[in-house]
C-alpha atoms as a PDB file:
ATOM      1  CA  MET A   1     -14.381 -19.653 -15.239  1.00  0.00           C
ATOM      2  CA  PRO A   2     -12.935 -16.082 -14.765  1.00  0.00           C
ATOM      3  CA  ASN A   3      -9.048 -15.595 -14.113  1.00  0.00           C
ATOM      4  CA  ALA A   4      -7.742 -15.844 -10.892  1.00  0.00           C
ATOM      5  CA  ILE A   5      -6.728 -12.446  -9.238  1.00  0.00           C
ATOM      6  CA  ILE A   6      -3.583 -11.544  -7.664  1.00  0.00           C
ATOM      7  CA  ALA A   7      -3.537  -8.448  -5.486  1.00  0.00           C
ATOM      8  CA  LEU A   8      -0.038  -6.381  -5.286  1.00  0.00           C
ATOM      9  CA  MET A   9      -0.434  -3.971  -2.143  1.00  0.00           C
ATOM     10  CA  TYR A  10       1.917  -1.317  -1.534  1.00  0.00           C
ATOM     11  CA  ASP A  11       2.621   1.138   0.917  1.00  0.00           C
ATOM     12  CA  PHE A  12       3.428   4.532  -0.574  1.00  0.00           C
ATOM     13  CA  ASP A  13       5.975   6.705   1.156  1.00  0.00           C
ATOM     14  CA  ARG A  14       9.531   5.457   0.593  1.00  0.00           C
ATOM     15  CA  THR A  15       8.036   2.359  -0.915  1.00  0.00           C
ATOM     16  CA  LEU A  16       7.042   3.822  -4.304  1.00  0.00           C
ATOM     17  CA  SER A  17       7.982   7.752  -3.541  1.00  0.00           C
ATOM     18  CA  THR A  18      11.448   8.474  -2.606  1.00  0.00           C
ATOM     19  CA  GLN A  19      10.305  10.312   0.559  1.00  0.00           C
ATOM     20  CA  ASP A  20       7.327  11.183   2.536  1.00  0.00           C
ATOM     21  CA  MET A  21       4.644  12.658   0.002  1.00  0.00           C
ATOM     22  CA  GLN A  22       4.295  15.886   2.134  1.00  0.00           C
ATOM     23  CA  ASN A  23       8.082  16.562   1.662  1.00  0.00           C
ATOM     24  CA  TYR A  24       7.890  17.429  -1.933  1.00  0.00           C
ATOM     25  CA  ARG A  25       5.638  20.577  -2.141  1.00  0.00           C
ATOM     26  CA  PHE A  26       3.455  20.854   0.956  1.00  0.00           C
ATOM     27  CA  ILE A  27       6.128  21.396   3.624  1.00  0.00           C
ATOM     28  CA  PRO A  28       8.145  23.660   1.358  1.00  0.00           C
ATOM     29  CA  ALA A  29       4.856  25.802   0.871  1.00  0.00           C
ATOM     30  CA  LEU A  30       4.623  26.193   4.515  1.00  0.00           C
ATOM     31  CA  GLY A  31       8.171  27.638   4.507  1.00  0.00           C
ATOM     32  CA  MET A  32       9.349  24.671   6.928  1.00  0.00           C
ATOM     33  CA  THR A  33      11.890  22.025   6.623  1.00  0.00           C
ATOM     34  CA  ALA A  34      10.904  18.346   6.550  1.00  0.00           C
ATOM     35  CA  GLU A  35      12.644  17.962   9.909  1.00  0.00           C
ATOM     36  CA  GLU A  36      10.849  21.034  11.416  1.00  0.00           C
ATOM     37  CA  PHE A  37       7.326  19.739  10.319  1.00  0.00           C
ATOM     38  CA  TRP A  38       7.772  16.276  11.476  1.00  0.00           C
ATOM     39  CA  SER A  39       9.186  17.131  14.704  1.00  0.00           C
ATOM     40  CA  THR A  40       6.305  19.586  15.280  1.00  0.00           C
ATOM     41  CA  ALA A  41       3.613  16.904  14.552  1.00  0.00           C
ATOM     42  CA  ASN A  42       5.371  14.321  16.753  1.00  0.00           C
ATOM     43  CA  LYS A  43       5.769  16.620  19.696  1.00  0.00           C
ATOM     44  CA  PHE A  44       1.951  17.484  19.216  1.00  0.00           C
ATOM     45  CA  ALA A  45       1.230  13.818  19.196  1.00  0.00           C
ATOM     46  CA  ALA A  46       3.362  13.164  22.368  1.00  0.00           C
ATOM     47  CA  ASP A  47       2.078  16.166  24.230  1.00  0.00           C
ATOM     48  CA  ASN A  48      -1.441  15.203  23.591  1.00  0.00           C
ATOM     49  CA  THR A  49      -1.161  11.487  23.873  1.00  0.00           C
ATOM     50  CA  MET A  50      -2.478  11.394  20.333  1.00  0.00           C
ATOM     51  CA  ASP A  51      -2.458   8.829  17.445  1.00  0.00           C
ATOM     52  CA  GLY A  52       0.553  10.023  15.239  1.00  0.00           C
ATOM     53  CA  ILE A  53      -1.281   9.949  12.058  1.00  0.00           C
ATOM     54  CA  LEU A  54      -4.246  12.147  13.302  1.00  0.00           C
ATOM     55  CA  ALA A  55      -1.544  14.462  14.764  1.00  0.00           C
ATOM     56  CA  TYR A  56       0.144  15.022  11.416  1.00  0.00           C
ATOM     57  CA  MET A  57      -3.023  15.655   9.839  1.00  0.00           C
ATOM     58  CA  TYR A  58      -3.904  18.337  12.367  1.00  0.00           C
ATOM     59  CA  THR A  59      -0.505  19.652  12.240  1.00  0.00           C
ATOM     60  CA  MET A  60      -1.015  20.026   8.620  1.00  0.00           C
ATOM     61  CA  VAL A  61      -4.160  22.111   8.897  1.00  0.00           C
ATOM     62  CA  SER A  62      -2.965  24.110  11.860  1.00  0.00           C
ATOM     63  CA  GLU A  63       0.417  25.096  10.280  1.00  0.00           C
ATOM     64  CA  ALA A  64      -1.219  26.144   6.916  1.00  0.00           C
ATOM     65  CA  LYS A  65      -3.706  28.316   8.707  1.00  0.00           C
ATOM     66  CA  LYS A  66      -0.986  29.834  10.926  1.00  0.00           C
ATOM     67  CA  ARG A  67       1.204  30.451   7.939  1.00  0.00           C
ATOM     68  CA  GLY A  68      -1.633  31.874   5.617  1.00  0.00           C
ATOM     69  CA  VAL A  69      -1.493  28.900   3.247  1.00  0.00           C
ATOM     70  CA  VAL A  70      -4.969  28.152   1.653  1.00  0.00           C
ATOM     71  CA  LEU A  71      -5.463  24.450   1.925  1.00  0.00           C
ATOM     72  CA  ARG A  72      -8.128  23.095  -0.126  1.00  0.00           C
ATOM     73  CA  ARG A  73      -8.594  19.653  -1.707  1.00  0.00           C
ATOM     74  CA  GLU A  74      -7.579  20.679  -5.059  1.00  0.00           C
ATOM     75  CA  THR A  75      -4.496  22.147  -3.585  1.00  0.00           C
ATOM     76  CA  LEU A  76      -3.341  18.893  -2.099  1.00  0.00           C
ATOM     77  CA  VAL A  77      -4.182  17.009  -5.181  1.00  0.00           C
ATOM     78  CA  ASP A  78      -2.006  19.551  -7.280  1.00  0.00           C
ATOM     79  CA  MET A  79       0.798  18.919  -4.681  1.00  0.00           C
ATOM     80  CA  GLY A  80       0.938  15.214  -5.610  1.00  0.00           C
ATOM     81  CA  ARG A  81       2.056  16.125  -9.194  1.00  0.00           C
ATOM     82  CA  GLY A  82       5.621  16.880  -7.433  1.00  0.00           C
ATOM     83  CA  ILE A  83       6.160  13.586  -6.238  1.00  0.00           C
ATOM     84  CA  GLU A  84       9.334  11.624  -7.448  1.00  0.00           C
ATOM     85  CA  PHE A  85       9.303   7.791  -7.693  1.00  0.00           C
ATOM     86  CA  PHE A  86      11.784   5.238  -7.623  1.00  0.00           C
ATOM     87  CA  PRO A  87      13.273   4.268 -10.859  1.00  0.00           C
ATOM     88  CA  GLY A  88      10.914   1.931 -13.293  1.00  0.00           C
ATOM     89  CA  LEU A  89       7.487   2.839 -11.799  1.00  0.00           C
ATOM     90  CA  ASP A  90       6.446   4.340 -15.164  1.00  0.00           C
ATOM     91  CA  THR A  91       6.587   1.058 -16.681  1.00  0.00           C
ATOM     92  CA  TRP A  92       6.232  -1.368 -13.735  1.00  0.00           C
ATOM     93  CA  PHE A  93       2.374  -1.678 -13.791  1.00  0.00           C
ATOM     94  CA  SER A  94       1.862  -2.277 -17.566  1.00  0.00           C
ATOM     95  CA  GLU A  95       4.788  -4.876 -17.427  1.00  0.00           C
ATOM     96  CA  ILE A  96       3.475  -6.719 -14.498  1.00  0.00           C
ATOM     97  CA  ASN A  97      -0.093  -6.612 -15.526  1.00  0.00           C
ATOM     98  CA  ALA A  98       1.123  -8.135 -19.085  1.00  0.00           C
ATOM     99  CA  PHE A  99       2.999 -10.804 -17.446  1.00  0.00           C
ATOM    100  CA  GLY A 100       0.090 -11.670 -15.425  1.00  0.00           C
ATOM    101  CA  ALA A 101      -2.112 -11.952 -18.245  1.00  0.00           C
ATOM    102  CA  SER A 102       0.397 -14.207 -19.940  1.00  0.00           C
ATOM    103  CA  MET A 103       0.038 -16.708 -16.943  1.00  0.00           C
ATOM    104  CA  GLY A 104      -3.620 -16.500 -17.148  1.00  0.00           C
ATOM    105  CA  VAL A 105      -4.148 -14.354 -14.177  1.00  0.00           C
ATOM    106  CA  THR A 106      -5.491 -10.812 -13.403  1.00  0.00           C
ATOM    107  CA  VAL A 107      -3.070  -8.587 -11.482  1.00  0.00           C
ATOM    108  CA  GLU A 108      -4.586  -5.638  -9.620  1.00  0.00           C
ATOM    109  CA  HIS A 109      -2.721  -2.860  -7.750  1.00  0.00           C
ATOM    110  CA  TYR A 110      -3.624  -1.336  -4.255  1.00  0.00           C
ATOM    111  CA  VAL A 111      -2.149   1.284  -1.914  1.00  0.00           C
ATOM    112  CA  ILE A 112      -2.331   1.026   1.669  1.00  0.00           C
ATOM    113  CA  SER A 113      -0.789   4.182   3.090  1.00  0.00           C
ATOM    114  CA  SER A 114      -0.544   6.367   6.227  1.00  0.00           C
ATOM    115  CA  GLY A 115      -0.243   9.322   3.787  1.00  0.00           C
ATOM    116  CA  LEU A 116      -2.931  11.428   2.244  1.00  0.00           C
ATOM    117  CA  ARG A 117      -5.348  10.145  -0.638  1.00  0.00           C
ATOM    118  CA  GLU A 118      -5.646  13.586  -1.979  1.00  0.00           C
ATOM    119  CA  ILE A 119      -1.873  13.963  -2.587  1.00  0.00           C
ATOM    120  CA  ILE A 120      -1.750  10.422  -4.050  1.00  0.00           C
ATOM    121  CA  GLN A 121      -4.560  11.146  -6.467  1.00  0.00           C
ATOM    122  CA  GLY A 122      -2.610  13.960  -8.082  1.00  0.00           C
ATOM    123  CA  SER A 123       0.452  11.705  -8.528  1.00  0.00           C
ATOM    124  CA  SER A 124       1.399  10.415 -11.991  1.00  0.00           C
ATOM    125  CA  ILE A 125       0.773   6.694 -11.022  1.00  0.00           C
ATOM    126  CA  CYS A 126      -2.503   6.974  -9.165  1.00  0.00           C
ATOM    127  CA  HIS A 127      -4.730   5.711 -12.118  1.00  0.00           C
ATOM    128  CA  GLU A 128      -2.653   2.475 -11.849  1.00  0.00           C
ATOM    129  CA  PHE A 129      -4.447   1.446  -8.621  1.00  0.00           C
ATOM    130  CA  ARG A 130      -7.964  -0.239  -8.311  1.00  0.00           C
ATOM    131  CA  GLU A 131      -8.083   1.289  -4.882  1.00  0.00           C
ATOM    132  CA  VAL A 132      -6.201   3.796  -2.685  1.00  0.00           C
ATOM    133  CA  PHE A 133      -6.442   3.345   0.983  1.00  0.00           C
ATOM    134  CA  ALA A 134      -5.168   6.304   2.847  1.00  0.00           C
ATOM    135  CA  GLY A 135      -6.003   9.257   5.078  1.00  0.00           C
ATOM    136  CA  GLU A 136      -8.273  11.831   3.790  1.00  0.00           C
ATOM    137  CA  PHE A 137      -9.796  15.086   5.116  1.00  0.00           C
ATOM    138  CA  LEU A 138     -13.649  16.088   5.093  1.00  0.00           C
ATOM    139  CA  TYR A 139     -13.980  19.469   3.532  1.00  0.00           C
ATOM    140  CA  ASP A 140     -16.662  22.081   4.324  1.00  0.00           C
ATOM    141  CA  ALA A 141     -18.715  24.222   1.753  1.00  0.00           C
ATOM    142  CA  ASP A 142     -15.687  26.422   0.975  1.00  0.00           C
ATOM    143  CA  GLY A 143     -13.537  23.449   0.202  1.00  0.00           C
ATOM    144  CA  MET A 144     -11.483  23.659   3.462  1.00  0.00           C
ATOM    145  CA  PRO A 145     -10.573  20.618   5.617  1.00  0.00           C
ATOM    146  CA  VAL A 146     -12.404  20.506   8.702  1.00  0.00           C
ATOM    147  CA  TRP A 147     -12.038  16.752   9.974  1.00  0.00           C
ATOM    148  CA  PRO A 148     -10.145  13.625   9.029  1.00  0.00           C
ATOM    149  CA  LYS A 149     -12.612  11.504   6.831  1.00  0.00           C
ATOM    150  CA  ALA A 150     -10.132   8.593   7.181  1.00  0.00           C
ATOM    151  CA  ALA A 151      -6.859   7.820   9.012  1.00  0.00           C
ATOM    152  CA  VAL A 152      -4.855   4.921   8.318  1.00  0.00           C
ATOM    153  CA  ASN A 153      -2.333   3.914  11.016  1.00  0.00           C
ATOM    154  CA  TYR A 154       0.184   1.164  11.156  1.00  0.00           C
ATOM    155  CA  THR A 155      -2.128  -1.413  12.689  1.00  0.00           C
ATOM    156  CA  ASN A 156      -5.514  -0.656  11.163  1.00  0.00           C
ATOM    157  CA  LYS A 157      -3.672  -0.881   7.718  1.00  0.00           C
ATOM    158  CA  THR A 158      -4.599  -4.792   8.321  1.00  0.00           C
ATOM    159  CA  GLN A 159      -8.259  -4.243   7.794  1.00  0.00           C
ATOM    160  CA  PHE A 160      -7.801  -3.213   4.057  1.00  0.00           C
ATOM    161  CA  ILE A 161      -6.140  -6.561   3.462  1.00  0.00           C
ATOM    162  CA  TYR A 162      -9.426  -8.220   4.644  1.00  0.00           C
ATOM    163  CA  ARG A 163     -11.244  -5.661   2.384  1.00  0.00           C
ATOM    164  CA  ILE A 164      -9.258  -6.655  -0.863  1.00  0.00           C
ATOM    165  CA  ASN A 165      -9.814 -10.328   0.370  1.00  0.00           C
ATOM    166  CA  LYS A 166     -13.561 -10.032   0.261  1.00  0.00           C
ATOM    167  CA  GLY A 167     -13.941  -7.277  -2.351  1.00  0.00           C
ATOM    168  CA  VAL A 168     -15.402  -4.853   0.060  1.00  0.00           C
ATOM    169  CA  LEU A 169     -13.651  -1.594  -0.880  1.00  0.00           C
ATOM    170  CA  ASP A 170     -16.109   0.936   0.386  1.00  0.00           C
ATOM    171  CA  ILE A 171     -14.658   1.870   3.747  1.00  0.00           C
ATOM    172  CA  SER A 172     -17.916   2.753   5.250  1.00  0.00           C
ATOM    173  CA  ASN A 173     -19.327  -0.577   4.533  1.00  0.00           C
ATOM    174  CA  ASP A 174     -18.283  -2.686   7.689  1.00  0.00           C
ATOM    175  CA  ARG A 175     -21.309  -4.978   7.556  1.00  0.00           C
ATOM    176  CA  ASP A 176     -20.326  -6.846   4.551  1.00  0.00           C
ATOM    177  CA  LEU A 177     -16.646  -6.782   5.553  1.00  0.00           C
ATOM    178  CA  ASN A 178     -17.819  -8.519   8.833  1.00  0.00           C
ATOM    179  CA  GLU A 179     -20.069 -11.099   7.381  1.00  0.00           C
ATOM    180  CA  SER A 180     -19.073 -14.621   7.258  1.00  0.00           C
ATOM    181  CA  MET A 181     -18.004 -15.678   3.887  1.00  0.00           C
ATOM    182  CA  PRO A 182     -16.860 -19.171   2.628  1.00  0.00           C
ATOM    183  CA  ASP A 183     -13.254 -19.003   1.422  1.00  0.00           C
ATOM    184  CA  ASP A 184     -14.215 -19.944  -2.224  1.00  0.00           C
ATOM    185  CA  ASP A 185     -16.496 -16.965  -2.388  1.00  0.00           C
ATOM    186  CA  LYS A 186     -13.839 -14.343  -1.304  1.00  0.00           C
ATOM    187  CA  ARG A 187     -12.603 -12.143  -4.339  1.00  0.00           C
ATOM    188  CA  VAL A 188      -8.761 -12.371  -3.705  1.00  0.00           C
ATOM    189  CA  ARG A 189      -7.306 -15.358  -1.852  1.00  0.00           C
ATOM    190  CA  PHE A 190      -4.708 -14.426   0.840  1.00  0.00           C
ATOM    191  CA  SER A 191      -2.357 -16.890  -0.844  1.00  0.00           C
ATOM    192  CA  ASN A 192      -2.512 -14.671  -3.942  1.00  0.00           C
ATOM    193  CA  MET A 193      -1.540 -11.495  -2.277  1.00  0.00           C
ATOM    194  CA  ILE A 194       1.881  -9.738  -2.400  1.00  0.00           C
ATOM    195  CA  TYR A 195       2.708  -6.745   0.105  1.00  0.00           C
ATOM    196  CA  LEU A 196       5.349  -4.438  -0.524  1.00  0.00           C
ATOM    197  CA  GLY A 197       6.584  -2.074   2.080  1.00  0.00           C
ATOM    198  CA  ASP A 198       9.669  -0.315   3.348  1.00  0.00           C
ATOM    199  CA  GLY A 199       9.905  -0.609   7.310  1.00  0.00           C
ATOM    200  CA  LEU A 200       8.419  -1.178  10.634  1.00  0.00           C
ATOM    201  CA  SER A 201       5.006   0.690   9.927  1.00  0.00           C
ATOM    202  CA  ASP A 202       4.361  -2.025   7.427  1.00  0.00           C
ATOM    203  CA  VAL A 203       5.102  -5.092   9.589  1.00  0.00           C
ATOM    204  CA  PRO A 204       1.490  -5.895  10.719  1.00  0.00           C
ATOM    205  CA  CYS A 205       0.711  -6.213   7.095  1.00  0.00           C
ATOM    206  CA  MET A 206       3.896  -7.936   6.173  1.00  0.00           C
ATOM    207  CA  LYS A 207       3.480 -10.542   8.949  1.00  0.00           C
ATOM    208  CA  MET A 208      -0.257 -11.141   8.163  1.00  0.00           C
ATOM    209  CA  VAL A 209       0.184 -11.698   4.538  1.00  0.00           C
ATOM    210  CA  LYS A 210       3.146 -13.983   4.973  1.00  0.00           C
ATOM    211  CA  ALA A 211       1.333 -15.963   7.752  1.00  0.00           C
ATOM    212  CA  TYR A 212      -1.947 -16.321   5.403  1.00  0.00           C
ATOM    213  CA  GLY A 213       0.260 -17.875   2.519  1.00  0.00           C
ATOM    214  CA  GLY A 214       0.983 -14.766   0.520  1.00  0.00           C
ATOM    215  CA  LYS A 215       4.414 -12.937   0.127  1.00  0.00           C
ATOM    216  CA  SER A 216       5.763  -9.965   1.785  1.00  0.00           C
ATOM    217  CA  ILE A 217       8.673  -7.891   0.160  1.00  0.00           C
ATOM    218  CA  ALA A 218      10.676  -5.090   1.914  1.00  0.00           C
ATOM    219  CA  VAL A 219      12.295  -2.543  -0.281  1.00  0.00           C
ATOM    220  CA  TYR A 220      14.748   0.210   0.625  1.00  0.00           C
ATOM    221  CA  ASN A 221      16.313   3.248  -1.040  1.00  0.00           C
ATOM    222  CA  PRO A 222      19.379   2.346  -2.745  1.00  0.00           C
ATOM    223  CA  ASP A 223      20.917   5.503  -1.590  1.00  0.00           C
ATOM    224  CA  GLU A 224      20.371   4.576   2.044  1.00  0.00           C
ATOM    225  CA  ALA A 225      22.001   1.166   1.663  1.00  0.00           C
ATOM    226  CA  LEU A 226      25.381   2.859   2.931  1.00  0.00           C
ATOM    227  CA  ASP A 227      23.845   4.036   6.105  1.00  0.00           C
ATOM    228  CA  PRO A 228      24.324   1.174   8.487  1.00  0.00           C
ATOM    229  CA  ALA A 229      21.392   2.081  10.918  1.00  0.00           C
ATOM    230  CA  LYS A 230      18.931   2.278   8.273  1.00  0.00           C
ATOM    231  CA  HIS A 231      20.034  -0.653   6.398  1.00  0.00           C
ATOM    232  CA  ARG A 232      20.036  -2.703   9.394  1.00  0.00           C
ATOM    233  CA  ARG A 233      16.312  -1.838  10.133  1.00  0.00           C
ATOM    234  CA  VAL A 234      15.566  -3.277   6.745  1.00  0.00           C
ATOM    235  CA  LEU A 235      17.805  -6.338   7.229  1.00  0.00           C
ATOM    236  CA  ASP A 236      16.054  -7.041  10.585  1.00  0.00           C
ATOM    237  CA  LEU A 237      12.658  -7.477   8.571  1.00  0.00           C
ATOM    238  CA  ILE A 238      14.068 -10.929   6.828  1.00  0.00           C
ATOM    239  CA  THR A 239      16.298 -11.918   9.891  1.00  0.00           C
ATOM    240  CA  LYS A 240      13.292 -11.722  12.197  1.00  0.00           C
ATOM    241  CA  ASN A 241      11.286 -13.584   9.656  1.00  0.00           C
ATOM    242  CA  ARG A 242       8.923 -10.876   8.854  1.00  0.00           C
ATOM    243  CA  VAL A 243       9.202 -10.577   5.227  1.00  0.00           C
ATOM    244  CA  ASP A 244      10.139 -13.196   2.547  1.00  0.00           C
ATOM    245  CA  TYR A 245      12.486 -10.974   0.586  1.00  0.00           C
ATOM    246  CA  ILE A 246      14.329  -7.749   0.736  1.00  0.00           C
ATOM    247  CA  TYR A 247      15.394  -5.663  -2.344  1.00  0.00           C
ATOM    248  CA  PRO A 248      16.509  -2.041  -3.475  1.00  0.00           C
ATOM    249  CA  ALA A 249      13.385   0.039  -4.294  1.00  0.00           C
ATOM    250  CA  ASP A 250      14.181  -0.382  -8.158  1.00  0.00           C
ATOM    251  CA  TYR A 251      11.260  -1.201 -10.273  1.00  0.00           C
ATOM    252  CA  ARG A 252      12.931  -1.417 -13.693  1.00  0.00           C
ATOM    253  CA  LYS A 253      12.801  -4.263 -16.079  1.00  0.00           C
ATOM    254  CA  GLY A 254      15.257  -6.836 -15.595  1.00  0.00           C
ATOM    255  CA  LYS A 255      16.147  -5.901 -11.885  1.00  0.00           C
ATOM    256  CA  PRO A 256      15.894  -8.458  -9.071  1.00  0.00           C
ATOM    257  CA  LEU A 257      12.715  -6.921  -7.657  1.00  0.00           C
ATOM    258  CA  GLU A 258      10.707  -7.404 -10.921  1.00  0.00           C
ATOM    259  CA  ALA A 259      12.140 -10.742 -11.481  1.00  0.00           C
ATOM    260  CA  THR A 260      11.097 -11.986  -7.922  1.00  0.00           C
ATOM    261  CA  VAL A 261       7.633 -10.603  -8.350  1.00  0.00           C
ATOM    262  CA  LYS A 262       7.098 -12.417 -11.736  1.00  0.00           C
ATOM    263  CA  HIS A 263       8.449 -15.548 -10.082  1.00  0.00           C
ATOM    264  CA  ILE A 264       5.770 -15.064  -7.459  1.00  0.00           C
ATOM    265  CA  ILE A 265       3.050 -14.329  -9.766  1.00  0.00           C
ATOM    266  CA  GLU A 266       4.076 -17.535 -11.843  1.00  0.00           C
ATOM    267  CA  MET A 267       3.946 -19.643  -8.696  1.00  0.00           C
ATOM    268  CA  MET A 268       0.671 -18.347  -7.752  1.00  0.00           C
ATOM    269  CA  ALA A 269      -0.661 -18.889 -11.119  1.00  0.00           C
ATOM    270  CA  ILE A 270       0.477 -22.645 -11.228  1.00  0.00           C
ATOM    271  CA  ALA A 271      -1.018 -23.016  -7.832  1.00  0.00           C
ATOM    272  CA  ASP A 272      -4.400 -21.754  -8.864  1.00  0.00           C
ATOM    273  CA  ILE A 273      -4.204 -24.217 -11.867  1.00  0.00           C
ATOM    274  CA  LEU A 274      -3.276 -27.162  -9.524  1.00  0.00           C
ATOM    275  CA  SER A 275      -6.205 -26.013  -7.072  1.00  0.00           C
ATOM    276  CA  GLY A 276      -8.595 -26.168  -9.877  1.00  0.00           C
ATOM    277  CA  GLU A 277      -7.514 -29.484 -11.077  1.00  0.00           C
ATOM    278  CA  SER A 278      -7.912 -30.878  -7.562  1.00  0.00           C
ATOM    279  CA  HIS A 279     -11.472 -29.552  -7.122  1.00  0.00           C
ATOM    280  CA  SER A 280     -12.456 -30.808 -10.496  1.00  0.00           C
ATOM    281  CA  GLN A 281     -11.236 -34.446  -9.684  1.00  0.00           C
ATOM    282  CA  ARG A 282     -12.848 -34.097  -6.274  1.00  0.00           C
ATOM    283  CA  ARG A 283     -16.067 -33.287  -7.919  1.00  0.00           C
ATOM    284  CA  GLU A 284     -15.822 -36.063 -10.668  1.00  0.00           C
ATOM    285  CA  ALA A 285     -15.011 -38.600  -7.820  1.00  0.00           C
ATOM    286  CA  LEU A 286     -18.197 -37.555  -5.908  1.00  0.00           C
ATOM    287  CA  ASN A 287     -20.289 -37.949  -8.966  1.00  0.00           C
ATOM    288  CA  ASP A 288     -18.989 -41.448  -9.695  1.00  0.00           C
ATOM    289  CA  ARG A 289     -19.691 -42.546  -6.269  1.00  0.00           C
ATOM    290  CA  SER A 290     -23.272 -41.164  -6.534  1.00  0.00           C
END
């Protein structure tokens, strides 16, 4: 019997990276500050009654064109190499994977982000993920972005949890995603999911995972803990019962976040063993009756 699978699902910006991924290299290449770029994108969204994710993607293309910045796929991928991560992520994945193996389960890591897949693909940790669900551009024959190929906003993030649940990772495959499937045939049980995010944009995923028997964890930048307004927003997630735990985004060995994730994995592994034993006894009892 194959090992049970536990899925760790992460938001990216301010959950793994210390700030929005565009802030590191893309926005400086435009000669803008982060505040100027995001203010422009948000105003464009408001003026056109437009989805905020589509608005920032449009603003990326329009501002690059306006300022003479050549924006190709490989340009964005290269910009991902400048992303800075919270401490401990260089060893986090191998440590968690090894712990899962010691408990008899397979741990898989996924990103569900409103950022850009291209930039994430250039980052130093991209190879750690089984799949990255994020926004992405469609490119013309010259390699220039012409249309959003995918856009991941705050509410449609939840569809990717269903995709992980059923093992339907191709986002163009809606048929299999919507097919009825017995719970026993689903690749990753909801109760074997852990979601890590940093704020209100993650609430739909956090609440969904928590409601279906998994665990949700809110993380925050330790440097922002002294800002009452920012810290209060994170604290609200647990006081309003939207998450199970909150921790500083410190992924180093021996820190509270790592300890709790390992405890959750251990609990899930034991639950799988007990579930297997229960199914086995039920089958034996049915055989005895026949």
